[in-house]
Each structure stands twice: as C-alpha cells, then as structure tokens.
Amino acid sequence: MTSQTSSTATAAPAAAQGSHMWVLTLEIPGRGMTTAHGTVTPPADATRHDTFRTLLDHVVSQDPQMASGNCVFFTLEPNLL
C-alpha cells in the first residue's frame, strides 16, 4: 500500500533569503550527528572555503559538542531553481 501526503509550504520571499542554500552534516562517530541548513549571502570576495568555515562555526555555536565532529556532508549551491 502506498500513501502520499500533499502539503503546501509557504516560503519566505526570495529577496528575504540568502543568495545560496547550504546543508552541513557533522558526526562524532559512535556519539552523534547533526545536520543544519539554511541560506546565506557570502561577501563578494568570499571563497567557498571561507563560507564553509563560517557555516561550520555557526553550526558548532549552536551545538558545541560537534566542535570535534567530522564533516560528512557539505553543499553550497545558488539559491535558484
């Protein structure tokens, strides 16, 4: 038997969102994992690495036990369809 649920999500206007969408997953093997996501508008001169470090710092500030976690997934993509 297959079940399908349909819902309509109301998203913030594109102007209220960042220029890029990101997802970051950190893991401490055997102890835990966390995934965070959002949008960000990096400064014009920022590199992908700069943005990764900024987002990593943000995630760790929200979940300090993940400071020693391994990054198992990171994506940063333009926030356009």
C-alpha atoms as a PDB file:
ATOM      1  CA  MET A   1       0.000   0.000   0.000  1.00  0.00           C
ATOM      2  CA  THR A   2       1.324   3.411  -0.934  1.00  0.00           C
ATOM      3  CA  SER A   3       0.436   6.551   0.937  1.00  0.00           C
ATOM      4  CA  GLN A   4       1.030  10.020  -0.371  1.00  0.00           C
ATOM      5  CA  THR A   5       0.650  13.264   1.524  1.00  0.00           C
ATOM      6  CA  SER A   6       0.471  16.615  -0.164  1.00  0.00           C
ATOM      7  CA  SER A   7       1.163  19.881   1.594  1.00  0.00           C
ATOM      8  CA  THR A   8       1.828  23.436   0.616  1.00  0.00           C
ATOM      9  CA  ALA A   9       4.721  25.183   2.312  1.00  0.00           C
ATOM     10  CA  THR A  10       4.877  28.932   2.436  1.00  0.00           C
ATOM     11  CA  ALA A  11       8.449  30.032   1.818  1.00  0.00           C
ATOM     12  CA  ALA A  12       9.910  33.411   2.553  1.00  0.00           C
ATOM     13  CA  PRO A  13      10.142  35.675  -0.489  1.00  0.00           C
ATOM     14  CA  ALA A  14      13.368  35.114  -2.415  1.00  0.00           C
ATOM     15  CA  ALA A  15      14.516  38.633  -1.523  1.00  0.00           C
ATOM     16  CA  ALA A  16      14.400  37.659   2.179  1.00  0.00           C
ATOM     17  CA  GLN A  17      16.583  34.612   1.586  1.00  0.00           C
ATOM     18  CA  GLY A  18      20.316  34.402   1.002  1.00  0.00           C
ATOM     19  CA  SER A  19      21.882  34.010  -2.408  1.00  0.00           C
ATOM     20  CA  HIS A  20      22.999  30.442  -1.614  1.00  0.00           C
ATOM     21  CA  MET A  21      21.379  27.456   0.088  1.00  0.00           C
ATOM     22  CA  TRP A  22      23.554  25.222   2.271  1.00  0.00           C
ATOM     23  CA  VAL A  23      23.415  21.908   4.132  1.00  0.00           C
ATOM     24  CA  LEU A  24      26.122  20.761   6.569  1.00  0.00           C
ATOM     25  CA  THR A  25      26.277  17.430   8.433  1.00  0.00           C
ATOM     26  CA  LEU A  26      28.748  16.761  11.236  1.00  0.00           C
ATOM     27  CA  GLU A  27      29.314  13.440  13.004  1.00  0.00           C
ATOM     28  CA  ILE A  28      31.182  12.270  16.050  1.00  0.00           C
ATOM     29  CA  PRO A  29      31.457   8.532  15.318  1.00  0.00           C
ATOM     30  CA  GLY A  30      29.555   6.477  17.850  1.00  0.00           C
ATOM     31  CA  ARG A  31      28.340   9.571  19.712  1.00  0.00           C
ATOM     32  CA  GLY A  32      26.095  11.644  17.494  1.00  0.00           C
ATOM     33  CA  MET A  33      25.354  13.503  14.309  1.00  0.00           C
ATOM     34  CA  THR A  34      23.784  16.831  13.430  1.00  0.00           C
ATOM     35  CA  THR A  35      22.574  18.335  10.183  1.00  0.00           C
ATOM     36  CA  ALA A  36      21.907  22.045   9.718  1.00  0.00           C
ATOM     37  CA  HIS A  37      20.715  24.003   6.699  1.00  0.00           C
ATOM     38  CA  GLY A  38      19.790  27.491   5.635  1.00  0.00           C
ATOM     39  CA  THR A  39      20.579  30.289   3.238  1.00  0.00           C
ATOM     40  CA  VAL A  40      23.486  32.694   3.239  1.00  0.00           C
ATOM     41  CA  THR A  41      24.789  35.571   1.152  1.00  0.00           C
ATOM     42  CA  PRO A  42      28.587  35.419   1.312  1.00  0.00           C
ATOM     43  CA  PRO A  43      30.601  38.633   0.890  1.00  0.00           C
ATOM     44  CA  ALA A  44      31.596  39.314  -2.727  1.00  0.00           C
ATOM     45  CA  ASP A  45      35.238  38.358  -2.081  1.00  0.00           C
ATOM     46  CA  ALA A  46      34.474  35.190  -0.051  1.00  0.00           C
ATOM     47  CA  THR A  47      35.706  31.808  -1.225  1.00  0.00           C
ATOM     48  CA  ARG A  48      33.841  28.544  -0.864  1.00  0.00           C
ATOM     49  CA  HIS A  49      36.261  27.635   1.940  1.00  0.00           C
ATOM     50  CA  ASP A  50      35.620  30.946   3.749  1.00  0.00           C
ATOM     51  CA  THR A  51      31.896  30.277   3.600  1.00  0.00           C
ATOM     52  CA  PHE A  52      32.328  26.672   4.767  1.00  0.00           C
ATOM     53  CA  ARG A  53      34.347  27.841   7.795  1.00  0.00           C
ATOM     54  CA  THR A  54      31.741  30.499   8.636  1.00  0.00           C
ATOM     55  CA  LEU A  55      28.926  27.959   8.436  1.00  0.00           C
ATOM     56  CA  LEU A  56      30.905  25.362  10.390  1.00  0.00           C
ATOM     57  CA  ASP A  57      31.486  27.924  13.151  1.00  0.00           C
ATOM     58  CA  HIS A  58      27.768  28.735  13.121  1.00  0.00           C
ATOM     59  CA  VAL A  59      26.729  25.077  13.445  1.00  0.00           C
ATOM     60  CA  VAL A  60      29.235  24.465  16.254  1.00  0.00           C
ATOM     61  CA  SER A  61      27.995  27.566  18.103  1.00  0.00           C
ATOM     62  CA  GLN A  62      24.509  26.016  18.031  1.00  0.00           C
ATOM     63  CA  ASP A  63      25.769  22.545  19.073  1.00  0.00           C
ATOM     64  CA  PRO A  64      29.157  22.902  20.854  1.00  0.00           C
ATOM     65  CA  GLN A  65      29.682  19.142  21.275  1.00  0.00           C
ATOM     66  CA  MET A  66      30.159  18.998  17.490  1.00  0.00           C
ATOM     67  CA  ALA A  67      33.359  21.085  17.657  1.00  0.00           C
ATOM     68  CA  SER A  68      35.356  17.862  17.234  1.00  0.00           C
ATOM     69  CA  GLY A  69      32.954  16.378  14.685  1.00  0.00           C
ATOM     70  CA  ASN A  70      33.848  15.187  11.217  1.00  0.00           C
ATOM     71  CA  CYS A  71      32.193  16.860   8.267  1.00  0.00           C
ATOM     72  CA  VAL A  72      30.416  14.073   6.399  1.00  0.00           C
ATOM     73  CA  PHE A  73      28.390  16.274   4.049  1.00  0.00           C
ATOM     74  CA  PHE A  74      28.522  19.869   2.826  1.00  0.00           C
ATOM     75  CA  THR A  75      26.806  21.544  -0.073  1.00  0.00           C
ATOM     76  CA  LEU A  76      26.595  25.198  -1.057  1.00  0.00           C
ATOM     77  CA  GLU A  77      24.532  25.955  -4.136  1.00  0.00           C
ATOM     78  CA  PRO A  78      22.994  29.050  -5.719  1.00  0.00           C
ATOM     79  CA  ASN A  79      19.529  29.550  -4.219  1.00  0.00           C
ATOM     80  CA  LEU A  80      17.727  29.472  -7.571  1.00  0.00           C
ATOM     81  CA  LEU A  81      15.655  26.866  -9.369  1.00  0.00           C
END
